Amino acid sequence: MVLTSLYFTDEQYREIKELAEFESVYVTEFMKQTILDRVQNENDYYEAVQNLKESHGETVSRGEVKRRLDLI
């Protein structure tokens, strides 16, 4: 496991603390989850870009997606 340090201004930390309290979690857990969520979002974005490149711009309608997933 890795331990890292982050430095924030008092104002930045206050904002982070308020959000953590709103979510009813400790500040460290809030920061960890926020960072991991961002990493997942970035990975999803890069995967979507790669899929778009591989599709050569071909799109699939919402109805077709539902049909392929047997949702209709």
Protein backbone atom coordinates (compact mmCIF):
# COMPACT_ATOMS: atom_id res chain seq x y z
CA MET A 1 0.00 0.00 0.00
CA VAL A 2 1.21 3.53 -0.73
CA LEU A 3 0.89 6.60 1.47
CA THR A 4 0.91 10.02 -0.16
CA SER A 5 0.68 13.60 1.10
CA LEU A 6 -1.39 16.40 -0.35
CA TYR A 7 -1.19 20.09 0.46
CA PHE A 8 -4.22 22.37 0.32
CA THR A 9 -4.85 25.97 1.18
CA ASP A 10 -7.08 26.46 4.20
CA GLU A 11 -9.93 27.46 1.89
CA GLN A 12 -9.50 24.39 -0.32
CA TYR A 13 -9.47 22.10 2.70
CA ARG A 14 -12.55 23.80 4.16
CA GLU A 15 -14.45 23.15 0.93
CA ILE A 16 -13.32 19.53 0.83
CA LYS A 17 -14.26 19.06 4.48
CA GLU A 18 -17.72 20.53 3.90
CA LEU A 19 -18.33 18.15 1.01
CA ALA A 20 -17.12 15.18 3.04
CA GLU A 21 -19.42 16.13 5.90
CA PHE A 22 -22.31 16.48 3.45
CA GLU A 23 -21.57 12.94 2.24
CA SER A 24 -21.20 11.75 5.87
CA VAL A 25 -17.69 10.39 5.34
CA TYR A 26 -14.24 11.21 6.68
CA VAL A 27 -12.22 13.73 4.69
CA THR A 28 -9.61 11.14 3.74
CA GLU A 29 -12.25 8.70 2.50
CA PHE A 30 -13.91 11.50 0.51
CA MET A 31 -10.60 12.43 -1.13
CA LYS A 32 -9.74 8.82 -1.91
CA GLN A 33 -13.14 8.08 -3.43
CA THR A 34 -13.12 11.33 -5.41
CA ILE A 35 -9.73 10.52 -6.92
CA LEU A 36 -10.71 6.93 -7.72
CA ASP A 37 -13.96 8.14 -9.32
CA ARG A 38 -11.96 10.55 -11.48
CA VAL A 39 -9.57 7.80 -12.55
CA GLN A 40 -12.53 5.58 -13.50
CA ASN A 41 -14.12 8.43 -15.47
CA GLU A 42 -10.87 9.05 -17.35
CA ASN A 43 -10.54 5.34 -18.14
CA ASP A 44 -14.14 5.25 -19.37
CA TYR A 45 -13.50 8.30 -21.55
CA TYR A 46 -10.36 6.85 -23.14
CA GLU A 47 -12.16 3.55 -23.74
CA ALA A 48 -15.05 5.39 -25.41
CA VAL A 49 -12.64 7.34 -27.63
CA GLN A 50 -10.91 4.10 -28.61
CA ASN A 51 -14.25 2.45 -29.39
CA LEU A 52 -15.27 5.44 -31.50
CA LYS A 53 -12.02 5.25 -33.46
CA GLU A 54 -12.48 1.53 -34.03
CA SER A 55 -16.07 2.03 -35.21
CA HIS A 56 -14.94 4.50 -37.90
CA GLY A 57 -17.84 6.76 -36.92
CA GLU A 58 -20.52 4.09 -37.26
CA THR A 59 -23.30 4.61 -34.74
CA VAL A 60 -26.03 2.39 -33.34
CA SER A 61 -29.48 3.70 -32.47
CA ARG A 62 -30.90 3.43 -28.98
CA GLY A 63 -33.51 1.03 -30.30
CA GLU A 64 -30.83 -1.21 -31.80
CA VAL A 65 -28.94 -1.29 -28.51
CA LYS A 66 -32.13 -2.29 -26.68
CA ARG A 67 -32.82 -4.98 -29.28
CA ARG A 68 -29.30 -6.39 -28.98
CA LEU A 69 -29.65 -6.51 -25.20
CA ASP A 70 -33.11 -8.11 -25.45
CA LEU A 71 -34.69 -5.17 -23.64
CA ILE A 72 -37.57 -4.84 -26.09
